[in-house]
């Protein structure tokens, strides 16, 4: 075994660790968006739509907020 083969193995294992870290970061960002987009959508529709076109009642608009609070308290 020579020095070149040891260095090449270190480079390969280092790049696979970087790929795993990148995949993990991507999954964390994706799950963050997946969990907050329903709340944001309901909040914006309930808050900024015209009153004559509003389909979301104040009680219904609180459901995503309560789910978000529960998820935040659990984690």
PDB file of N, CA and C in Angstrom:
ATOM      1  N   UNK A   1       0.852  -1.170   0.000  1.00  0.00           N
ATOM      2  CA  UNK A   1       0.000   0.000   0.000  1.00  0.00           C
ATOM      3  C   UNK A   1       0.897   1.232   0.000  1.00  0.00           C
ATOM      4  N   UNK A   2       0.609   2.118  -0.883  1.00  0.00           N
ATOM      5  CA  UNK A   2       1.436   3.322  -0.947  1.00  0.00           C
ATOM      6  C   UNK A   2       0.642   4.550  -0.502  1.00  0.00           C
ATOM      7  N   UNK A   3       1.294   5.678  -0.475  1.00  0.00           N
ATOM      8  CA  UNK A   3       0.682   6.904   0.034  1.00  0.00           C
ATOM      9  C   UNK A   3      -0.445   7.383  -0.877  1.00  0.00           C
ATOM     10  N   UNK A   4      -0.306   7.204  -2.182  1.00  0.00           N
ATOM     11  CA  UNK A   4      -1.343   7.659  -3.108  1.00  0.00           C
ATOM     12  C   UNK A   4      -2.664   6.927  -2.881  1.00  0.00           C
ATOM     13  N   UNK A   5      -2.613   5.632  -2.629  1.00  0.00           N
ATOM     14  CA  UNK A   5      -3.862   4.899  -2.423  1.00  0.00           C
ATOM     15  C   UNK A   5      -4.529   5.312  -1.108  1.00  0.00           C
ATOM     16  N   UNK A   6      -3.754   5.620  -0.098  1.00  0.00           N
ATOM     17  CA  UNK A   6      -4.331   6.078   1.170  1.00  0.00           C
ATOM     18  C   UNK A   6      -4.991   7.434   0.987  1.00  0.00           C
ATOM     19  N   UNK A   7      -4.340   8.323   0.276  1.00  0.00           N
ATOM     20  CA  UNK A   7      -4.925   9.643   0.040  1.00  0.00           C
ATOM     21  C   UNK A   7      -6.190   9.547  -0.793  1.00  0.00           C
ATOM     22  N   UNK A   8      -6.215   8.677  -1.786  1.00  0.00           N
ATOM     23  CA  UNK A   8      -7.413   8.563  -2.618  1.00  0.00           C
ATOM     24  C   UNK A   8      -8.581   8.002  -1.814  1.00  0.00           C
ATOM     25  N   UNK A   9      -8.313   7.062  -0.909  1.00  0.00           N
ATOM     26  CA  UNK A   9      -9.391   6.548  -0.062  1.00  0.00           C
ATOM     27  C   UNK A   9      -9.916   7.628   0.879  1.00  0.00           C
ATOM     28  N   UNK A  10      -9.053   8.474   1.382  1.00  0.00           N
ATOM     29  CA  UNK A  10      -9.488   9.551   2.263  1.00  0.00           C
ATOM     30  C   UNK A  10     -10.349  10.547   1.505  1.00  0.00           C
ATOM     31  N   UNK A  11     -10.005  10.815   0.255  1.00  0.00           N
ATOM     32  CA  UNK A  11     -10.794  11.750  -0.545  1.00  0.00           C
ATOM     33  C   UNK A  11     -12.174  11.169  -0.851  1.00  0.00           C
ATOM     34  N   UNK A  12     -12.238   9.877  -1.123  1.00  0.00           N
ATOM     35  CA  UNK A  12     -13.521   9.233  -1.421  1.00  0.00           C
ATOM     36  C   UNK A  12     -14.407   9.222  -0.189  1.00  0.00           C
ATOM     37  N   UNK A  13     -13.876   8.866   0.960  1.00  0.00           N
ATOM     38  CA  UNK A  13     -14.701   8.833   2.165  1.00  0.00           C
ATOM     39  C   UNK A  13     -15.115  10.235   2.584  1.00  0.00           C
ATOM     40  N   UNK A  14     -14.267  11.223   2.355  1.00  0.00           N
ATOM     41  CA  UNK A  14     -14.621  12.602   2.680  1.00  0.00           C
ATOM     42  C   UNK A  14     -15.741  13.119   1.806  1.00  0.00           C
ATOM     43  N   UNK A  15     -15.713  12.775   0.532  1.00  0.00           N
ATOM     44  CA  UNK A  15     -16.777  13.251  -0.357  1.00  0.00           C
ATOM     45  C   UNK A  15     -18.091  12.550  -0.055  1.00  0.00           C
ATOM     46  N   UNK A  16     -18.059  11.293   0.358  1.00  0.00           N
ATOM     47  CA  UNK A  16     -19.322  10.635   0.682  1.00  0.00           C
ATOM     48  C   UNK A  16     -19.916  11.225   1.961  1.00  0.00           C
ATOM     49  N   UNK A  17     -19.083  11.638   2.899  1.00  0.00           N
ATOM     50  CA  UNK A  17     -19.594  12.298   4.102  1.00  0.00           C
ATOM     51  C   UNK A  17     -20.220  13.641   3.740  1.00  0.00           C
ATOM     52  N   UNK A  18     -19.603  14.360   2.815  1.00  0.00           N
ATOM     53  CA  UNK A  18     -20.171  15.633   2.378  1.00  0.00           C
ATOM     54  C   UNK A  18     -21.499  15.432   1.679  1.00  0.00           C
ATOM     55  N   UNK A  19     -21.611  14.382   0.905  1.00  0.00           N
ATOM     56  CA  UNK A  19     -22.870  14.090   0.218  1.00  0.00           C
ATOM     57  C   UNK A  19     -23.954  13.736   1.233  1.00  0.00           C
ATOM     58  N   UNK A  20     -23.618  12.960   2.250  1.00  0.00           N
ATOM     59  CA  UNK A  20     -24.592  12.624   3.289  1.00  0.00           C
ATOM     60  C   UNK A  20     -25.048  13.865   4.036  1.00  0.00           C
ATOM     61  N   UNK A  21     -24.123  14.765   4.326  1.00  0.00           N
ATOM     62  CA  UNK A  21     -24.482  16.008   5.012  1.00  0.00           C
ATOM     63  C   UNK A  21     -25.389  16.862   4.125  1.00  0.00           C
ATOM     64  N   UNK A  22     -25.076  16.926   2.848  1.00  0.00           N
ATOM     65  CA  UNK A  22     -25.912  17.695   1.923  1.00  0.00           C
ATOM     66  C   UNK A  22     -27.314  17.095   1.817  1.00  0.00           C
ATOM     67  N   UNK A  23     -27.412  15.773   1.758  1.00  0.00           N
ATOM     68  CA  UNK A  23     -28.719  15.124   1.708  1.00  0.00           C
ATOM     69  C   UNK A  23     -29.507  15.376   2.987  1.00  0.00           C
ATOM     70  N   UNK A  24     -28.834  15.323   4.117  1.00  0.00           N
ATOM     71  CA  UNK A  24     -29.504  15.581   5.390  1.00  0.00           C
ATOM     72  C   UNK A  24     -30.006  17.016   5.461  1.00  0.00           C
ATOM     73  N   UNK A  25     -29.182  17.964   5.045  1.00  0.00           N
ATOM     74  CA  UNK A  25     -29.603  19.369   5.053  1.00  0.00           C
ATOM     75  C   UNK A  25     -30.784  19.578   4.112  1.00  0.00           C
ATOM     76  N   UNK A  26     -30.748  18.959   2.950  1.00  0.00           N
ATOM     77  CA  UNK A  26     -31.855  19.073   2.006  1.00  0.00           C
ATOM     78  C   UNK A  26     -33.139  18.508   2.596  1.00  0.00           C
ATOM     79  N   UNK A  27     -33.054  17.366   3.269  1.00  0.00           N
ATOM     80  CA  UNK A  27     -34.240  16.765   3.885  1.00  0.00           C
ATOM     81  C   UNK A  27     -34.791  17.632   5.009  1.00  0.00           C
ATOM     82  N   UNK A  28     -33.910  18.241   5.799  1.00  0.00           N
ATOM     83  CA  UNK A  28     -34.367  19.113   6.888  1.00  0.00           C
ATOM     84  C   UNK A  28     -35.102  20.320   6.323  1.00  0.00           C
ATOM     85  N   UNK A  29     -34.555  20.923   5.286  1.00  0.00           N
ATOM     86  CA  UNK A  29     -35.205  22.086   4.663  1.00  0.00           C
ATOM     87  C   UNK A  29     -36.535  21.680   4.042  1.00  0.00           C
ATOM     88  N   UNK A  30     -36.569  20.542   3.376  1.00  0.00           N
ATOM     89  CA  UNK A  30     -37.794  20.066   2.753  1.00  0.00           C
ATOM     90  C   UNK A  30     -38.876  19.789   3.794  1.00  0.00           C
ATOM     91  N   UNK A  31     -38.514  19.159   4.893  1.00  0.00           N
ATOM     92  CA  UNK A  31     -39.493  18.873   5.944  1.00  0.00           C
ATOM     93  C   UNK A  31     -39.964  20.151   6.637  1.00  0.00           C
ATOM     94  N   UNK A  32     -39.085  21.131   6.785  1.00  0.00           N
ATOM     95  CA  UNK A  32     -39.482  22.422   7.345  1.00  0.00           C
ATOM     96  C   UNK A  32     -40.541  23.072   6.473  1.00  0.00           C
ATOM     97  N   UNK A  33     -40.293  23.099   5.170  1.00  0.00           N
ATOM     98  CA  UNK A  33     -41.268  23.684   4.249  1.00  0.00           C
ATOM     99  C   UNK A  33     -42.569  22.885   4.225  1.00  0.00           C
ATOM    100  N   UNK A  34     -42.445  21.576   4.258  1.00  0.00           N
ATOM    101  CA  UNK A  34     -43.611  20.701   4.237  1.00  0.00           C
ATOM    102  C   UNK A  34     -44.492  20.931   5.459  1.00  0.00           C
ATOM    103  N   UNK A  35     -43.896  21.231   6.589  1.00  0.00           N
ATOM    104  CA  UNK A  35     -44.693  21.420   7.796  1.00  0.00           C
ATOM    105  C   UNK A  35     -45.269  22.825   7.918  1.00  0.00           C
ATOM    106  N   UNK A  36     -44.626  23.837   7.363  1.00  0.00           N
ATOM    107  CA  UNK A  36     -45.093  25.207   7.545  1.00  0.00           C
ATOM    108  C   UNK A  36     -45.941  25.748   6.403  1.00  0.00           C
ATOM    109  N   UNK A  37     -45.872  25.201   5.214  1.00  0.00           N
ATOM    110  CA  UNK A  37     -46.630  25.738   4.075  1.00  0.00           C
ATOM    111  C   UNK A  37     -48.147  25.661   4.297  1.00  0.00           C
ATOM    112  N   UNK A  38     -48.714  24.580   4.846  1.00  0.00           N
ATOM    113  CA  UNK A  38     -50.166  24.606   5.090  1.00  0.00           C
ATOM    114  C   UNK A  38     -50.586  25.727   6.041  1.00  0.00           C
ATOM    115  N   UNK A  39     -49.826  25.949   7.090  1.00  0.00           N
ATOM    116  CA  UNK A  39     -50.148  27.026   8.026  1.00  0.00           C
ATOM    117  C   UNK A  39     -50.065  28.392   7.340  1.00  0.00           C
ATOM    118  N   UNK A  40     -49.007  28.597   6.587  1.00  0.00           N
ATOM    119  CA  UNK A  40     -48.830  29.879   5.905  1.00  0.00           C
ATOM    120  C   UNK A  40     -49.959  30.117   4.900  1.00  0.00           C
ATOM    121  N   UNK A  41     -50.343  29.087   4.175  1.00  0.00           N
ATOM    122  CA  UNK A  41     -51.405  29.222   3.181  1.00  0.00           C
ATOM    123  C   UNK A  41     -52.729  29.612   3.834  1.00  0.00           C
ATOM    124  N   UNK A  42     -53.096  28.892   4.885  1.00  0.00           N
ATOM    125  CA  UNK A  42     -54.364  29.193   5.554  1.00  0.00           C
ATOM    126  C   UNK A  42     -54.322  30.572   6.194  1.00  0.00           C
ATOM    127  N   UNK A  43     -53.199  30.929   6.804  1.00  0.00           N
ATOM    128  CA  UNK A  43     -53.090  32.228   7.460  1.00  0.00           C
ATOM    129  C   UNK A  43     -53.210  33.379   6.454  1.00  0.00           C
ATOM    130  N   UNK A  44     -52.564  33.251   5.309  1.00  0.00           N
ATOM    131  CA  UNK A  44     -52.651  34.311   4.308  1.00  0.00           C
ATOM    132  C   UNK A  44     -54.041  34.402   3.684  1.00  0.00           C
ATOM    133  N   UNK A  45     -54.657  33.267   3.411  1.00  0.00           N
ATOM    134  CA  UNK A  45     -56.004  33.301   2.841  1.00  0.00           C
ATOM    135  C   UNK A  45     -56.987  33.889   3.853  1.00  0.00           C
ATOM    136  N   UNK A  46     -56.873  33.496   5.111  1.00  0.00           N
ATOM    137  CA  UNK A  46     -57.792  34.007   6.132  1.00  0.00           C
ATOM    138  C   UNK A  46     -57.535  35.480   6.429  1.00  0.00           C
ATOM    139  N   UNK A  47     -56.309  35.906   6.362  1.00  0.00           N
ATOM    140  CA  UNK A  47     -55.991  37.266   6.745  1.00  0.00           C
ATOM    141  C   UNK A  47     -56.081  38.295   5.650  1.00  0.00           C
ATOM    142  N   UNK A  48     -55.798  37.897   4.418  1.00  0.00           N
ATOM    143  CA  UNK A  48     -55.686  38.888   3.351  1.00  0.00           C
ATOM    144  C   UNK A  48     -56.691  38.746   2.225  1.00  0.00           C
ATOM    145  N   UNK A  49     -57.626  37.805   2.322  1.00  0.00           N
ATOM    146  CA  UNK A  49     -58.626  37.709   1.259  1.00  0.00           C
ATOM    147  C   UNK A  49     -59.750  38.704   1.511  1.00  0.00           C
ATOM    148  N   UNK A  50     -60.486  38.975   0.489  1.00  0.00           N
ATOM    149  CA  UNK A  50     -61.602  39.908   0.622  1.00  0.00           C
ATOM    150  C   UNK A  50     -62.695  39.267   1.486  1.00  0.00           C
ATOM    151  N   UNK A  51     -63.341  40.058   2.327  1.00  0.00           N
ATOM    152  CA  UNK A  51     -64.373  39.479   3.209  1.00  0.00           C
ATOM    153  C   UNK A  51     -65.514  38.811   2.439  1.00  0.00           C
ATOM    154  N   UNK A  52     -65.854  39.324   1.285  1.00  0.00           N
ATOM    155  CA  UNK A  52     -66.949  38.699   0.527  1.00  0.00           C
ATOM    156  C   UNK A  52     -66.544  37.358  -0.073  1.00  0.00           C
ATOM    157  N   UNK A  53     -65.247  37.159  -0.290  1.00  0.00           N
ATOM    158  CA  UNK A  53     -64.761  35.903  -0.879  1.00  0.00           C
ATOM    159  C   UNK A  53     -64.158  34.956   0.154  1.00  0.00           C
ATOM    160  N   UNK A  54     -64.178  35.343   1.403  1.00  0.00           N
ATOM    161  CA  UNK A  54     -63.518  34.553   2.445  1.00  0.00           C
ATOM    162  C   UNK A  54     -64.275  33.255   2.696  1.00  0.00           C
ATOM    163  N   UNK A  55     -63.593  32.155   2.522  1.00  0.00           N
ATOM    164  CA  UNK A  55     -64.172  30.837   2.730  1.00  0.00           C
ATOM    165  C   UNK A  55     -63.698  30.208   4.047  1.00  0.00           C
ATOM    166  N   UNK A  56     -62.721  30.811   4.656  1.00  0.00           N
ATOM    167  CA  UNK A  56     -62.138  30.248   5.876  1.00  0.00           C
ATOM    168  C   UNK A  56     -62.632  31.064   7.060  1.00  0.00           C
ATOM    169  N   UNK A  57     -63.313  30.404   7.983  1.00  0.00           N
ATOM    170  CA  UNK A  57     -63.802  31.087   9.172  1.00  0.00           C
ATOM    171  C   UNK A  57     -62.659  31.237  10.174  1.00  0.00           C
ATOM    172  N   UNK A  58     -62.814  32.104  11.165  1.00  0.00           N
ATOM    173  CA  UNK A  58     -61.760  32.250  12.170  1.00  0.00           C
ATOM    174  C   UNK A  58     -61.456  30.947  12.922  1.00  0.00           C
ATOM    175  N   UNK A  59     -62.473  30.133  13.153  1.00  0.00           N
ATOM    176  CA  UNK A  59     -62.251  28.859  13.858  1.00  0.00           C
ATOM    177  C   UNK A  59     -61.418  27.916  12.992  1.00  0.00           C
ATOM    178  N   UNK A  60     -61.742  27.841  11.725  1.00  0.00           N
ATOM    179  CA  UNK A  60     -60.986  26.966  10.820  1.00  0.00           C
ATOM    180  C   UNK A  60     -59.555  27.461  10.658  1.00  0.00           C
ATOM    181  N   UNK A  61     -59.372  28.758  10.677  1.00  0.00           N
ATOM    182  CA  UNK A  61     -58.014  29.292  10.522  1.00  0.00           C
ATOM    183  C   UNK A  61     -57.140  29.003  11.741  1.00  0.00           C
ATOM    184  N   UNK A  62     -57.754  28.668  12.876  1.00  0.00           N
ATOM    185  CA  UNK A  62     -56.971  28.352  14.072  1.00  0.00           C
ATOM    186  C   UNK A  62     -56.469  26.909  14.094  1.00  0.00           C
ATOM    187  N   UNK A  63     -57.046  26.042  13.284  1.00  0.00           N
ATOM    188  CA  UNK A  63     -56.641  24.630  13.287  1.00  0.00           C
ATOM    189  C   UNK A  63     -55.167  24.465  12.914  1.00  0.00           C
ATOM    190  N   UNK A  64     -54.668  25.050  11.817  1.00  0.00           N
ATOM    191  CA  UNK A  64     -53.242  24.907  11.523  1.00  0.00           C
ATOM    192  C   UNK A  64     -52.356  25.549  12.587  1.00  0.00           C
ATOM    193  N   UNK A  65     -52.831  26.644  13.188  1.00  0.00           N
ATOM    194  CA  UNK A  65     -52.038  27.286  14.236  1.00  0.00           C
ATOM    195  C   UNK A  65     -51.892  26.371  15.445  1.00  0.00           C
ATOM    196  N   UNK A  66     -52.954  25.709  15.829  1.00  0.00           N
ATOM    197  CA  UNK A  66     -52.884  24.789  16.966  1.00  0.00           C
ATOM    198  C   UNK A  66     -52.015  23.573  16.647  1.00  0.00           C
ATOM    199  N   UNK A  67     -52.084  23.107  15.418  1.00  0.00           N
ATOM    200  CA  UNK A  67     -51.236  21.973  15.024  1.00  0.00           C
ATOM    201  C   UNK A  67     -49.769  22.380  15.031  1.00  0.00           C
ATOM    202  N   UNK A  68     -49.490  23.604  14.620  1.00  0.00           N
ATOM    203  CA  UNK A  68     -48.116  24.094  14.622  1.00  0.00           C
ATOM    204  C   UNK A  68     -47.608  24.245  16.052  1.00  0.00           C
ATOM    205  N   UNK A  69     -48.459  24.750  16.939  1.00  0.00           N
ATOM    206  CA  UNK A  69     -48.066  24.871  18.340  1.00  0.00           C
ATOM    207  C   UNK A  69     -47.804  23.506  18.956  1.00  0.00           C
ATOM    208  N   UNK A  70     -48.640  22.547  18.635  1.00  0.00           N
ATOM    209  CA  UNK A  70     -48.458  21.201  19.171  1.00  0.00           C
ATOM    210  C   UNK A  70     -47.142  20.598  18.669  1.00  0.00           C
ATOM    211  N   UNK A  71     -46.864  20.769  17.389  1.00  0.00           N
ATOM    212  CA  UNK A  71     -45.630  20.223  16.820  1.00  0.00           C
ATOM    213  C   UNK A  71     -44.404  20.902  17.436  1.00  0.00           C
ATOM    214  N   UNK A  72     -44.507  22.206  17.682  1.00  0.00           N
ATOM    215  CA  UNK A  72     -43.377  22.915  18.282  1.00  0.00           C
ATOM    216  C   UNK A  72     -43.166  22.483  19.723  1.00  0.00           C
ATOM    217  N   UNK A  73     -44.237  22.228  20.440  1.00  0.00           N
ATOM    218  CA  UNK A  73     -44.117  21.821  21.834  1.00  0.00           C
ATOM    219  C   UNK A  73     -43.579  20.395  21.948  1.00  0.00           C
ATOM    220  N   UNK A  74     -43.912  19.548  20.986  1.00  0.00           N
ATOM    221  CA  UNK A  74     -43.449  18.152  21.033  1.00  0.00           C
ATOM    222  C   UNK A  74     -41.976  18.028  20.725  1.00  0.00           C
ATOM    223  N   UNK A  75     -41.472  18.891  19.895  1.00  0.00           N
ATOM    224  CA  UNK A  75     -40.068  18.780  19.517  1.00  0.00           C
ATOM    225  C   UNK A  75     -39.263  19.740  20.325  1.00  0.00           C
TER     226      UNK A  75
END
